[in-house]
Amino acid sequence: MRKGKILRDTQAGPGLASADGQQFIFTLEEHWRSDTAPRVGMAVELALDAHGTLQTLHAVDVLQQAQDGLKGLGADLQQRGLPVLKALSGTVLQRVGLPTLAGMAALALGWLVFSTLTVRVGGSLTQSLSLRDLLKLAHMAGGLEMLGGLERASTGWTGWLLWLALLAPLLPQLVPSRWAGWGLFAPLGFMLAMALAAYFKLKDSLGAVNGAAQAFGGAQAARMAQEMADAMFSQMLQAMSLGLGFYLATAAALWLAVQGALALRKSS
């Protein structure tokens, strides 16, 4: 069987098929063996006798042809691609080390996938936010009412810091310096920096409220404002709970810091 295609259909006489650079004239009655009429460009299979004379031809099942092509591609990838991937993964695993790679994977899941904070926004309705979502929310500076626009929001410069901290554990493999081991401390440092930034931002906001109240109503108004701010802060804390992402990322950051301490101790 030879594979070819239809060059001319049979609407105005005999058809013409091509295969391997040869052309064959055919008719519906004598040669065509498919249920559908031949069309120009249709893929066909031709059966020839020992002398190269056309005996029959029929249309090729396009779906079956695509499946055969995918099978061939899969076999080729399995034969050629898998050894390369295994060698590459083996090289990466050998250079970086399984403990560091496992910590980075857990860190990525904790920061980008799983919930860092769950907020109760009303009744039984809750909103789960990853660390990346929290960075977007902080960059939008619009409070919880801006939750609906998180997908289109930007993380700002803190998003770049997140990615740098996530990739920093690879620093010992990129920089030939014994101090590069400090890159393994970057995720923990990033988390502490973000926590401190959130604390001071909240403290400044409460201080601004107290200052405004004291300016307009004196010490008594400031005391009342402080009490109201404390009550609001308490309610806010009750409406929030830490999620799996926080605990997973914290454990991964501590694990990477331990690996960094071991690396620095080994290099000293």
Protein backbone atom coordinates (compact mmCIF):
# COMPACT_ATOMS: atom_id res chain seq x y z
CA MET A 1 0.00 0.00 0.00
CA ARG A 2 1.19 3.47 -0.89
CA LYS A 3 0.02 6.69 0.67
CA GLY A 4 -0.92 9.55 -1.64
CA LYS A 5 -3.52 12.21 -2.33
CA ILE A 6 -6.18 13.11 -4.84
CA LEU A 7 -5.08 15.63 -7.49
CA ARG A 8 -8.35 15.61 -9.47
CA ASP A 9 -11.76 14.31 -8.48
CA THR A 10 -14.14 12.28 -10.68
CA GLN A 11 -16.87 14.89 -11.23
CA ALA A 12 -15.82 15.50 -14.85
CA GLY A 13 -14.29 12.18 -15.82
CA PRO A 14 -11.54 9.94 -14.42
CA GLY A 15 -9.77 11.09 -11.28
CA LEU A 16 -6.05 11.54 -10.76
CA ALA A 17 -4.08 10.47 -7.69
CA SER A 18 -0.43 10.99 -6.81
CA ALA A 19 1.86 8.82 -4.69
CA ASP A 20 5.66 8.85 -4.37
CA GLY A 21 6.00 11.21 -7.31
CA GLN A 22 3.86 9.01 -9.62
CA GLN A 23 0.40 9.81 -10.95
CA PHE A 24 -2.38 7.27 -11.37
CA ILE A 25 -5.67 7.61 -13.25
CA PHE A 26 -8.65 6.03 -11.51
CA THR A 27 -12.42 5.74 -11.85
CA LEU A 28 -15.14 5.37 -9.26
CA GLU A 29 -16.46 2.11 -10.69
CA GLU A 30 -13.16 0.32 -11.14
CA HIS A 31 -10.82 1.59 -8.44
CA TRP A 32 -12.57 3.55 -5.69
CA ARG A 33 -13.32 1.55 -2.52
CA SER A 34 -14.57 4.12 0.03
CA ASP A 35 -18.06 5.22 1.06
CA THR A 36 -17.30 8.91 0.50
CA ALA A 37 -16.60 10.46 -2.90
CA PRO A 38 -12.99 11.45 -3.68
CA ARG A 39 -12.10 15.12 -3.16
CA VAL A 40 -9.10 17.12 -4.27
CA GLY A 41 -6.41 16.99 -1.58
CA MET A 42 -7.91 13.96 0.16
CA ALA A 43 -5.36 11.53 1.64
CA VAL A 44 -5.66 8.08 0.10
CA GLU A 45 -3.98 4.69 0.10
CA LEU A 46 -3.25 3.00 -3.24
CA ALA A 47 -2.90 -0.73 -3.87
CA LEU A 48 -0.66 -1.62 -6.82
CA ASP A 49 0.05 -4.95 -8.46
CA ALA A 50 3.51 -6.38 -9.14
CA HIS A 51 3.83 -4.29 -12.30
CA GLY A 52 2.95 -1.00 -10.54
CA THR A 53 -0.55 -0.81 -12.00
CA LEU A 54 -3.24 0.72 -9.82
CA GLN A 55 -5.68 -1.83 -8.52
CA THR A 56 -7.71 -0.01 -5.86
CA LEU A 57 -7.55 3.09 -3.71
CA HIS A 58 -9.51 4.28 -0.73
CA ALA A 59 -9.67 7.30 1.56
CA VAL A 60 -7.48 7.36 4.65
CA ASP A 61 -9.23 7.76 8.00
CA VAL A 62 -7.95 11.17 9.14
CA LEU A 63 -8.61 10.39 12.79
CA GLN A 64 -6.75 7.10 12.55
CA GLN A 65 -3.92 8.87 10.73
CA ALA A 66 -3.65 11.45 13.51
CA GLN A 67 -3.66 8.71 16.13
CA ASP A 68 -0.92 6.86 14.30
CA GLY A 69 1.08 10.08 14.08
CA LEU A 70 0.68 10.70 17.81
CA LYS A 71 1.72 7.15 18.57
CA GLY A 72 4.80 7.59 16.44
CA LEU A 73 5.60 10.88 18.11
CA GLY A 74 5.13 9.34 21.54
CA ALA A 75 7.40 6.45 20.66
CA ASP A 76 10.02 8.86 19.32
CA LEU A 77 9.86 10.98 22.46
CA GLN A 78 10.09 7.91 24.64
CA GLN A 79 13.09 6.67 22.70
CA ARG A 80 14.97 9.95 22.42
CA GLY A 81 13.48 12.43 24.85
CA LEU A 82 13.20 10.41 28.04
CA PRO A 83 16.92 9.61 28.29
CA VAL A 84 17.68 13.32 27.87
CA LEU A 85 15.12 14.30 30.49
CA LYS A 86 16.41 11.66 32.88
CA ALA A 87 19.97 12.81 32.40
CA LEU A 88 18.97 16.46 32.86
CA SER A 89 16.89 15.77 35.95
CA GLY A 90 19.69 13.66 37.34
CA THR A 91 22.18 16.49 36.80
CA VAL A 92 19.90 19.05 38.46
CA LEU A 93 19.19 16.71 41.35
CA GLN A 94 22.88 16.00 41.81
CA ARG A 95 23.94 19.65 41.71
CA VAL A 96 21.14 21.25 43.72
CA GLY A 97 20.30 18.33 45.98
CA LEU A 98 16.98 16.73 46.85
CA PRO A 99 16.55 18.55 50.20
CA THR A 100 16.83 21.98 48.56
CA LEU A 101 14.57 21.06 45.63
CA ALA A 102 11.96 19.61 47.97
CA GLY A 103 12.05 22.76 50.09
CA MET A 104 11.68 25.00 47.04
CA ALA A 105 8.75 22.94 45.76
CA ALA A 106 6.97 23.13 49.12
CA LEU A 107 7.70 26.86 49.28
CA ALA A 108 6.20 27.44 45.82
CA LEU A 109 3.06 25.54 46.81
CA GLY A 110 2.77 27.45 50.08
CA TRP A 111 3.21 30.88 48.47
CA LEU A 112 1.46 30.48 45.13
CA VAL A 113 -1.12 27.70 45.44
CA PHE A 114 -2.37 27.05 48.95
CA SER A 115 -4.15 29.55 51.17
CA THR A 116 -1.99 31.70 53.43
CA LEU A 117 -4.93 33.53 54.99
CA THR A 118 -8.64 32.82 55.09
CA VAL A 119 -10.90 35.82 55.66
CA ARG A 120 -14.54 35.64 56.69
CA VAL A 121 -16.15 38.42 54.67
CA GLY A 122 -19.70 37.98 55.90
CA GLY A 123 -21.73 35.26 57.57
CA SER A 124 -20.44 31.89 56.37
CA LEU A 125 -18.77 33.38 53.27
CA THR A 126 -14.99 33.11 53.32
CA GLN A 127 -12.20 34.16 50.97
CA SER A 128 -8.94 32.20 50.78
CA LEU A 129 -5.85 34.19 49.83
CA SER A 130 -2.41 32.95 48.90
CA LEU A 131 0.65 35.01 49.76
CA ARG A 132 0.71 36.26 46.18
CA ASP A 133 -2.91 37.38 46.55
CA LEU A 134 -2.03 39.23 49.76
CA LEU A 135 0.78 41.06 47.98
CA LYS A 136 -1.68 42.07 45.25
CA LEU A 137 -4.14 43.29 47.87
CA ALA A 138 -1.44 45.35 49.60
CA HIS A 139 -0.35 46.83 46.27
CA MET A 140 -3.93 47.81 45.41
CA ALA A 141 -4.25 49.62 48.75
CA GLY A 142 -8.01 49.24 48.63
CA GLY A 143 -8.74 46.91 51.52
CA LEU A 144 -10.86 43.78 51.44
CA GLU A 145 -13.46 45.47 49.23
CA MET A 146 -11.01 45.06 46.32
CA LEU A 147 -11.05 41.24 46.47
CA GLY A 148 -13.04 40.99 43.26
CA GLY A 149 -10.24 42.50 41.19
CA LEU A 150 -7.36 40.34 42.42
CA GLU A 151 -7.01 38.29 39.24
CA ARG A 152 -6.16 41.37 37.17
CA ALA A 153 -4.12 43.10 39.87
CA SER A 154 -0.34 43.38 40.05
CA THR A 155 1.87 42.44 42.98
CA GLY A 156 4.16 45.41 42.32
CA TRP A 157 7.80 45.33 43.39
CA THR A 158 7.00 42.91 46.21
CA GLY A 159 6.08 40.32 43.58
CA TRP A 160 9.60 40.53 42.17
CA LEU A 161 10.98 40.08 45.67
CA LEU A 162 8.82 36.98 46.08
CA TRP A 163 10.26 35.37 42.94
CA LEU A 164 13.81 36.36 43.90
CA ALA A 165 13.34 34.82 47.33
CA LEU A 166 11.85 31.69 45.78
CA LEU A 167 14.81 31.23 43.42
CA ALA A 168 17.51 32.43 45.82
CA PRO A 169 18.19 28.88 47.17
CA LEU A 170 19.73 28.14 43.74
CA LEU A 171 22.34 30.85 44.35
CA PRO A 172 25.04 28.44 45.62
CA GLN A 173 24.90 26.68 42.23
CA LEU A 174 25.22 29.93 40.27
CA VAL A 175 27.79 31.90 42.27
CA PRO A 176 31.12 30.27 43.14
CA SER A 177 31.32 31.81 46.59
CA ARG A 178 30.98 30.31 50.04
CA TRP A 179 28.72 33.25 50.96
CA ALA A 180 26.21 32.17 48.33
CA GLY A 181 24.81 29.77 50.92
CA TRP A 182 23.01 32.76 52.43
CA GLY A 183 20.61 32.48 49.49
CA LEU A 184 18.96 29.61 51.34
CA PHE A 185 17.96 32.07 54.08
CA ALA A 186 16.20 34.39 51.61
CA PRO A 187 12.71 32.78 51.82
CA LEU A 188 12.65 33.03 55.62
CA GLY A 189 13.95 36.58 55.46
CA PHE A 190 11.29 37.52 52.91
CA MET A 191 8.49 36.14 55.07
CA LEU A 192 9.78 37.97 58.16
CA ALA A 193 10.13 41.21 56.17
CA MET A 194 6.55 40.95 54.87
CA ALA A 195 5.23 40.23 58.37
CA LEU A 196 7.06 43.23 59.82
CA ALA A 197 5.87 45.45 56.96
CA ALA A 198 2.26 44.42 57.61
CA TYR A 199 2.68 45.05 61.36
CA PHE A 200 4.14 48.53 60.98
CA LYS A 201 1.59 49.46 58.31
CA LEU A 202 -1.23 48.50 60.64
CA LYS A 203 0.42 50.33 63.54
CA ASP A 204 0.85 53.49 61.46
CA SER A 205 -2.80 53.33 60.40
CA LEU A 206 -3.98 53.09 64.02
CA GLY A 207 -1.61 55.86 65.02
CA ALA A 208 -2.99 58.11 62.30
CA VAL A 209 -6.55 57.50 63.54
CA ASN A 210 -5.56 58.35 67.12
CA GLY A 211 -3.68 61.45 66.01
CA ALA A 212 -6.63 62.74 64.02
CA ALA A 213 -9.02 62.09 66.92
CA GLN A 214 -6.76 63.90 69.39
CA ALA A 215 -6.38 66.86 67.05
CA PHE A 216 -10.13 67.34 66.75
CA GLY A 217 -11.39 66.22 70.16
CA GLY A 218 -8.50 66.12 72.57
CA ALA A 219 -7.33 63.31 74.83
CA GLN A 220 -10.81 61.95 75.51
CA ALA A 221 -11.56 61.58 71.79
CA ALA A 222 -8.17 59.94 71.27
CA ARG A 223 -8.91 57.43 74.04
CA MET A 224 -12.29 56.62 72.49
CA ALA A 225 -10.68 56.25 69.08
CA GLN A 226 -8.09 53.92 70.57
CA GLU A 227 -10.79 51.77 72.13
CA MET A 228 -12.69 51.63 68.85
CA ALA A 229 -9.51 50.77 66.94
CA ASP A 230 -8.70 48.00 69.43
CA ALA A 231 -12.21 46.58 69.08
CA MET A 232 -12.01 46.71 65.27
CA PHE A 233 -8.58 45.08 65.35
CA SER A 234 -9.89 42.30 67.60
CA GLN A 235 -12.84 41.68 65.28
CA MET A 236 -10.53 41.64 62.28
CA LEU A 237 -8.29 39.04 63.90
CA GLN A 238 -11.30 36.89 64.71
CA ALA A 239 -12.39 37.04 61.06
CA MET A 240 -9.00 35.78 59.88
CA SER A 241 -7.28 32.42 60.15
CA LEU A 242 -3.97 31.15 58.87
CA GLY A 243 -4.18 28.56 56.11
CA LEU A 244 -2.20 25.54 54.99
CA GLY A 245 -0.03 27.68 52.74
CA PHE A 246 1.32 29.65 55.70
CA TYR A 247 2.34 26.57 57.66
CA LEU A 248 3.76 24.80 54.61
CA ALA A 249 5.77 27.84 53.52
CA THR A 250 7.03 28.48 57.05
CA ALA A 251 8.18 24.88 57.41
CA ALA A 252 9.84 25.00 53.97
CA ALA A 253 11.58 28.32 54.72
CA LEU A 254 12.91 26.97 58.02
CA TRP A 255 14.04 23.78 56.28
CA LEU A 256 15.92 25.75 53.63
CA ALA A 257 17.50 27.92 56.34
CA VAL A 258 18.75 24.75 58.03
CA GLN A 259 20.21 23.60 54.70
CA GLY A 260 21.87 27.01 54.36
CA ALA A 261 23.39 26.79 57.83
CA LEU A 262 24.78 23.33 57.02
CA ALA A 263 26.19 24.60 53.72
CA LEU A 264 27.87 27.60 55.38
CA ARG A 265 29.28 25.42 58.12
CA LYS A 266 30.64 22.98 55.55
CA SER A 267 32.26 25.75 53.49
CA SER A 268 33.88 27.48 56.47
